[in-house]
N, C-alpha and C. Protein backbone atom coordinates (compact mmCIF):
# COMPACT_ATOMS: atom_id res chain seq x y z
N UNK A 1 -24.13 -0.14 -31.12
CA UNK A 1 -24.45 1.24 -31.37
C UNK A 1 -25.76 1.57 -30.59
N UNK A 2 -25.67 2.63 -29.82
CA UNK A 2 -26.78 2.94 -28.92
C UNK A 2 -27.81 3.90 -29.52
N UNK A 3 -27.55 4.44 -30.72
CA UNK A 3 -28.51 5.32 -31.38
C UNK A 3 -29.18 4.46 -32.48
N UNK A 4 -30.48 4.56 -32.55
CA UNK A 4 -31.25 3.74 -33.52
C UNK A 4 -32.05 4.63 -34.43
N UNK A 5 -32.62 4.04 -35.50
CA UNK A 5 -33.46 4.74 -36.45
C UNK A 5 -34.68 5.28 -35.72
N UNK A 6 -35.02 6.53 -36.01
CA UNK A 6 -36.16 7.16 -35.38
C UNK A 6 -35.86 7.97 -34.12
N UNK A 7 -34.66 7.82 -33.58
CA UNK A 7 -34.28 8.59 -32.38
C UNK A 7 -34.05 10.04 -32.73
N UNK A 8 -34.36 10.91 -31.77
CA UNK A 8 -34.05 12.34 -31.90
C UNK A 8 -32.68 12.56 -31.27
N UNK A 9 -31.75 13.09 -32.08
CA UNK A 9 -30.39 13.25 -31.62
C UNK A 9 -29.94 14.71 -31.75
N UNK A 10 -28.91 15.11 -30.99
CA UNK A 10 -28.26 16.38 -31.08
C UNK A 10 -26.83 16.17 -31.48
N UNK A 11 -26.30 17.05 -32.39
CA UNK A 11 -24.93 16.95 -32.85
C UNK A 11 -24.02 17.60 -31.84
N UNK A 12 -22.99 16.90 -31.40
CA UNK A 12 -22.15 17.43 -30.39
C UNK A 12 -20.77 17.84 -30.87
N UNK A 13 -20.47 17.58 -32.15
CA UNK A 13 -19.14 17.94 -32.70
C UNK A 13 -19.29 18.18 -34.19
N UNK A 14 -18.40 18.98 -34.70
CA UNK A 14 -18.36 19.28 -36.14
C UNK A 14 -19.02 20.61 -36.50
N UNK A 15 -19.10 20.91 -37.79
CA UNK A 15 -19.63 22.16 -38.20
C UNK A 15 -21.13 22.34 -37.90
N UNK A 16 -21.88 21.27 -37.76
CA UNK A 16 -23.31 21.30 -37.44
C UNK A 16 -23.61 21.19 -35.95
N UNK A 17 -22.61 21.47 -35.10
CA UNK A 17 -22.77 21.29 -33.68
C UNK A 17 -23.98 22.08 -33.16
N UNK A 18 -24.78 21.41 -32.33
CA UNK A 18 -25.96 22.05 -31.71
C UNK A 18 -27.24 21.78 -32.47
N UNK A 19 -27.18 21.29 -33.71
CA UNK A 19 -28.41 20.98 -34.43
C UNK A 19 -29.07 19.73 -33.90
N UNK A 20 -30.41 19.74 -33.95
CA UNK A 20 -31.19 18.58 -33.51
C UNK A 20 -31.92 18.04 -34.70
N UNK A 21 -31.92 16.70 -34.85
CA UNK A 21 -32.61 16.05 -35.95
C UNK A 21 -32.95 14.63 -35.64
N UNK A 22 -33.72 14.02 -36.53
CA UNK A 22 -34.16 12.62 -36.35
C UNK A 22 -33.28 11.74 -37.17
N UNK A 23 -32.93 10.55 -36.67
CA UNK A 23 -32.11 9.59 -37.38
C UNK A 23 -32.96 8.96 -38.43
N UNK A 24 -32.57 9.12 -39.71
CA UNK A 24 -33.26 8.54 -40.88
C UNK A 24 -32.87 7.08 -41.05
N UNK A 25 -31.54 6.84 -41.03
CA UNK A 25 -31.02 5.49 -41.24
C UNK A 25 -29.80 5.33 -40.34
N UNK A 26 -29.57 4.10 -39.85
CA UNK A 26 -28.41 3.81 -39.05
C UNK A 26 -27.60 2.79 -39.82
N UNK A 27 -26.30 2.96 -39.84
CA UNK A 27 -25.34 2.01 -40.52
C UNK A 27 -24.42 1.46 -39.45
N UNK A 28 -24.83 0.38 -38.74
CA UNK A 28 -24.05 -0.14 -37.60
C UNK A 28 -22.69 -0.64 -38.02
N UNK A 29 -22.60 -1.25 -39.21
CA UNK A 29 -21.32 -1.78 -39.66
C UNK A 29 -20.27 -0.68 -39.85
N UNK A 30 -20.70 0.50 -40.30
CA UNK A 30 -19.77 1.63 -40.53
C UNK A 30 -19.76 2.59 -39.30
N UNK A 31 -20.59 2.33 -38.29
CA UNK A 31 -20.69 3.22 -37.12
C UNK A 31 -21.11 4.63 -37.53
N UNK A 32 -22.07 4.73 -38.47
CA UNK A 32 -22.53 6.03 -38.95
C UNK A 32 -24.04 6.13 -38.90
N UNK A 33 -24.58 7.31 -38.85
CA UNK A 33 -26.03 7.53 -38.92
C UNK A 33 -26.31 8.67 -39.88
N UNK A 34 -27.50 8.63 -40.48
CA UNK A 34 -27.96 9.65 -41.39
C UNK A 34 -29.02 10.43 -40.64
N UNK A 35 -28.71 11.76 -40.35
CA UNK A 35 -29.57 12.58 -39.54
C UNK A 35 -30.23 13.64 -40.41
N UNK A 36 -31.55 13.83 -40.20
CA UNK A 36 -32.34 14.76 -40.99
C UNK A 36 -31.83 16.22 -40.77
N UNK A 37 -31.43 16.85 -41.89
CA UNK A 37 -31.01 18.26 -41.79
C UNK A 37 -29.58 18.48 -41.35
N UNK A 38 -28.80 17.45 -41.16
CA UNK A 38 -27.43 17.58 -40.68
C UNK A 38 -26.46 17.04 -41.73
N UNK A 39 -25.30 17.70 -41.88
CA UNK A 39 -24.23 17.29 -42.81
C UNK A 39 -24.77 17.25 -44.23
N UNK A 40 -25.42 18.37 -44.63
CA UNK A 40 -25.95 18.43 -45.96
C UNK A 40 -24.86 18.71 -47.01
N UNK A 41 -24.93 17.94 -48.11
CA UNK A 41 -23.95 18.07 -49.19
C UNK A 41 -24.61 18.46 -50.47
N UNK A 42 -23.86 18.98 -51.40
CA UNK A 42 -24.34 19.37 -52.72
C UNK A 42 -23.84 18.35 -53.72
N UNK A 43 -24.72 17.71 -54.46
CA UNK A 43 -24.31 16.68 -55.40
C UNK A 43 -24.78 17.11 -56.78
N UNK A 44 -23.90 17.05 -57.78
CA UNK A 44 -24.25 17.36 -59.15
C UNK A 44 -24.58 16.08 -59.88
N UNK A 45 -25.83 15.95 -60.32
CA UNK A 45 -26.27 14.76 -61.03
C UNK A 45 -26.48 15.04 -62.49
N UNK A 46 -26.01 14.16 -63.33
CA UNK A 46 -26.13 14.26 -64.75
C UNK A 46 -27.53 13.94 -65.23
N UNK A 47 -28.02 14.67 -66.22
CA UNK A 47 -29.31 14.38 -66.83
C UNK A 47 -29.18 13.14 -67.69
N UNK A 48 -29.99 12.13 -67.40
CA UNK A 48 -29.95 10.89 -68.10
C UNK A 48 -31.23 10.60 -68.88
N UNK A 49 -31.14 9.65 -69.78
CA UNK A 49 -32.33 9.18 -70.49
C UNK A 49 -32.59 7.75 -70.10
N UNK A 50 -33.90 7.45 -69.93
CA UNK A 50 -34.21 6.04 -69.60
C UNK A 50 -34.38 5.25 -70.89
N UNK A 51 -34.88 4.03 -70.82
CA UNK A 51 -34.98 3.16 -71.99
C UNK A 51 -35.89 3.69 -73.07
N UNK A 52 -36.93 4.39 -72.68
CA UNK A 52 -37.87 4.92 -73.66
C UNK A 52 -37.39 6.24 -74.29
N UNK A 53 -36.28 6.79 -73.77
CA UNK A 53 -35.78 7.99 -74.36
C UNK A 53 -36.19 9.28 -73.65
N UNK A 54 -37.04 9.14 -72.59
CA UNK A 54 -37.48 10.30 -71.87
C UNK A 54 -36.36 10.76 -70.92
N UNK A 55 -36.31 12.03 -70.66
CA UNK A 55 -35.29 12.58 -69.79
C UNK A 55 -35.65 12.36 -68.31
N UNK A 56 -34.65 12.03 -67.56
CA UNK A 56 -34.76 11.95 -66.12
C UNK A 56 -34.10 13.20 -65.55
N UNK A 57 -34.63 13.65 -64.43
CA UNK A 57 -34.17 14.89 -63.88
C UNK A 57 -32.72 14.81 -63.38
N UNK A 58 -32.00 15.87 -63.50
CA UNK A 58 -30.64 15.95 -63.02
C UNK A 58 -30.42 17.34 -62.43
N UNK A 59 -29.18 17.77 -62.30
CA UNK A 59 -28.91 19.10 -61.82
C UNK A 59 -28.23 19.00 -60.43
N UNK A 60 -28.39 20.09 -59.68
CA UNK A 60 -27.79 20.18 -58.36
C UNK A 60 -28.78 19.70 -57.34
N UNK A 61 -28.39 18.74 -56.54
CA UNK A 61 -29.25 18.13 -55.51
C UNK A 61 -28.62 18.30 -54.15
N UNK A 62 -29.40 18.71 -53.16
CA UNK A 62 -28.91 18.81 -51.78
C UNK A 62 -29.46 17.63 -50.96
N UNK A 63 -28.57 16.95 -50.30
CA UNK A 63 -29.02 15.81 -49.47
C UNK A 63 -28.09 15.61 -48.29
N UNK A 64 -28.54 14.78 -47.34
CA UNK A 64 -27.72 14.53 -46.15
C UNK A 64 -26.73 13.44 -46.42
N UNK A 65 -25.60 13.59 -45.75
CA UNK A 65 -24.52 12.55 -45.80
C UNK A 65 -24.41 11.95 -44.41
N UNK A 66 -23.91 10.73 -44.29
CA UNK A 66 -23.80 10.09 -42.97
C UNK A 66 -22.79 10.85 -42.12
N UNK A 67 -23.06 10.76 -40.77
CA UNK A 67 -22.17 11.38 -39.77
C UNK A 67 -21.81 10.28 -38.78
N UNK A 68 -20.60 10.35 -38.25
CA UNK A 68 -20.17 9.30 -37.33
C UNK A 68 -20.96 9.34 -36.06
N UNK A 69 -21.28 8.18 -35.53
CA UNK A 69 -22.17 8.08 -34.33
C UNK A 69 -21.57 8.72 -33.08
N UNK A 70 -20.22 8.83 -33.07
CA UNK A 70 -19.61 9.48 -31.92
C UNK A 70 -19.82 10.98 -31.86
N UNK A 71 -20.34 11.56 -32.95
CA UNK A 71 -20.60 13.00 -33.01
C UNK A 71 -22.04 13.34 -32.69
N UNK A 72 -22.84 12.35 -32.31
CA UNK A 72 -24.23 12.65 -31.91
C UNK A 72 -24.53 12.05 -30.58
N UNK A 73 -25.50 12.61 -29.88
CA UNK A 73 -26.02 12.09 -28.64
C UNK A 73 -27.52 12.10 -28.69
N UNK A 74 -28.14 11.19 -27.94
CA UNK A 74 -29.59 11.16 -27.87
C UNK A 74 -30.07 12.47 -27.25
N UNK A 75 -31.15 13.06 -27.83
CA UNK A 75 -31.65 14.35 -27.35
C UNK A 75 -32.84 14.09 -26.42
N UNK A 76 -32.86 14.77 -25.25
CA UNK A 76 -33.95 14.71 -24.32
C UNK A 76 -34.28 16.11 -23.84
N UNK A 77 -35.50 16.26 -23.33
CA UNK A 77 -35.88 17.54 -22.73
C UNK A 77 -35.47 17.48 -21.27
N UNK A 78 -34.66 18.46 -20.85
CA UNK A 78 -34.19 18.49 -19.43
C UNK A 78 -34.25 19.90 -18.91
N UNK A 79 -34.36 20.04 -17.61
CA UNK A 79 -34.43 21.32 -16.95
C UNK A 79 -33.03 21.85 -16.75
N UNK A 80 -32.67 22.93 -17.46
CA UNK A 80 -31.37 23.55 -17.37
C UNK A 80 -31.56 24.98 -16.95
N UNK A 81 -31.01 25.37 -15.78
CA UNK A 81 -31.10 26.72 -15.25
C UNK A 81 -32.52 27.22 -15.19
N UNK A 82 -33.45 26.38 -14.80
CA UNK A 82 -34.85 26.77 -14.60
C UNK A 82 -35.65 26.75 -15.87
N UNK A 83 -35.12 26.42 -17.03
CA UNK A 83 -35.91 26.36 -18.24
C UNK A 83 -35.71 25.01 -18.90
N UNK A 84 -36.72 24.55 -19.65
CA UNK A 84 -36.65 23.28 -20.32
C UNK A 84 -35.92 23.45 -21.66
N UNK A 85 -34.86 22.65 -21.87
CA UNK A 85 -34.08 22.73 -23.12
C UNK A 85 -33.84 21.29 -23.65
N UNK A 86 -33.56 21.27 -24.94
CA UNK A 86 -33.18 19.99 -25.54
C UNK A 86 -31.69 19.80 -25.42
N UNK A 87 -31.25 18.78 -24.71
CA UNK A 87 -29.85 18.51 -24.44
C UNK A 87 -29.54 17.08 -24.79
N UNK A 88 -28.25 16.79 -24.91
CA UNK A 88 -27.78 15.43 -25.19
C UNK A 88 -27.63 14.62 -23.93
N UNK A 89 -27.75 13.33 -24.04
CA UNK A 89 -27.58 12.42 -22.93
C UNK A 89 -26.98 11.11 -23.37
N UNK A 90 -26.36 10.42 -22.45
CA UNK A 90 -25.84 9.07 -22.72
C UNK A 90 -26.98 8.09 -22.62
N UNK A 91 -26.84 6.95 -23.24
CA UNK A 91 -27.85 5.90 -23.23
C UNK A 91 -27.39 4.76 -22.40
N UNK A 92 -28.31 4.30 -21.50
CA UNK A 92 -27.97 3.15 -20.63
C UNK A 92 -29.00 2.05 -20.90
N UNK A 93 -28.71 0.85 -20.37
CA UNK A 93 -29.60 -0.26 -20.54
C UNK A 93 -29.93 -0.80 -19.13
N UNK A 94 -31.16 -1.26 -18.99
CA UNK A 94 -31.60 -1.95 -17.77
C UNK A 94 -32.68 -2.95 -18.18
N UNK A 95 -33.01 -3.79 -17.25
CA UNK A 95 -34.04 -4.85 -17.49
C UNK A 95 -35.31 -4.55 -16.71
N UNK A 96 -36.45 -4.77 -17.34
CA UNK A 96 -37.72 -4.55 -16.63
C UNK A 96 -38.09 -5.82 -15.86
N UNK A 97 -39.27 -5.83 -15.27
CA UNK A 97 -39.70 -6.98 -14.49
C UNK A 97 -39.85 -8.26 -15.26
N UNK A 98 -40.15 -8.14 -16.56
CA UNK A 98 -40.32 -9.27 -17.42
C UNK A 98 -39.01 -9.80 -17.98
N UNK A 99 -37.93 -9.10 -17.72
CA UNK A 99 -36.58 -9.51 -18.26
C UNK A 99 -36.28 -8.89 -19.58
N UNK A 100 -37.06 -7.95 -20.09
CA UNK A 100 -36.80 -7.29 -21.37
C UNK A 100 -35.77 -6.18 -21.16
N UNK A 101 -34.87 -6.09 -22.13
CA UNK A 101 -33.82 -5.04 -22.08
C UNK A 101 -34.43 -3.72 -22.56
N UNK A 102 -34.25 -2.68 -21.77
CA UNK A 102 -34.85 -1.37 -22.08
C UNK A 102 -33.77 -0.29 -22.10
N UNK A 103 -33.83 0.55 -23.14
CA UNK A 103 -32.88 1.72 -23.16
C UNK A 103 -33.45 2.85 -22.31
N UNK A 104 -32.58 3.59 -21.65
CA UNK A 104 -33.05 4.76 -20.86
C UNK A 104 -32.00 5.87 -20.98
N UNK A 105 -32.45 7.09 -20.77
CA UNK A 105 -31.63 8.28 -20.84
C UNK A 105 -30.96 8.46 -19.46
N UNK A 106 -29.67 8.44 -19.42
CA UNK A 106 -28.95 8.51 -18.13
C UNK A 106 -29.11 9.87 -17.47
N UNK A 107 -29.33 10.90 -18.24
CA UNK A 107 -29.47 12.28 -17.67
C UNK A 107 -30.76 12.44 -16.91
N UNK A 108 -31.87 11.88 -17.46
CA UNK A 108 -33.17 12.07 -16.82
C UNK A 108 -33.69 10.81 -16.18
N UNK A 109 -33.21 9.63 -16.58
CA UNK A 109 -33.67 8.39 -16.02
C UNK A 109 -34.89 7.86 -16.71
N UNK A 110 -35.47 8.54 -17.70
CA UNK A 110 -36.68 8.10 -18.36
C UNK A 110 -36.39 7.07 -19.45
N UNK A 111 -37.36 6.20 -19.70
CA UNK A 111 -37.19 5.15 -20.75
C UNK A 111 -37.32 5.79 -22.11
N UNK A 112 -36.65 5.20 -23.10
CA UNK A 112 -36.70 5.70 -24.45
C UNK A 112 -37.68 4.86 -25.26
């Protein structure tokens, strides 16, 4: 999986197409990522009591749901038609002089 936690990504497919957000969590086994502000769902939670008998909050909660990694691309600032815009790019790998593997944006060539 080429997208990692903390990366800034743009959604390229689905109802949230065009939104930009930060990856909160990556789930490599499921090929999914949790992106801030994308794929928001409404969950109804029951009001519960803990051991001491005090109420724990419940009600309607809005939160993000995972989105498949194929529906997001790494976001970079690029010059498009004379103006700087946030666009998606593919991720490539190369090795530096010390032999360390480095990710880079294929659209701009800069290191991530």
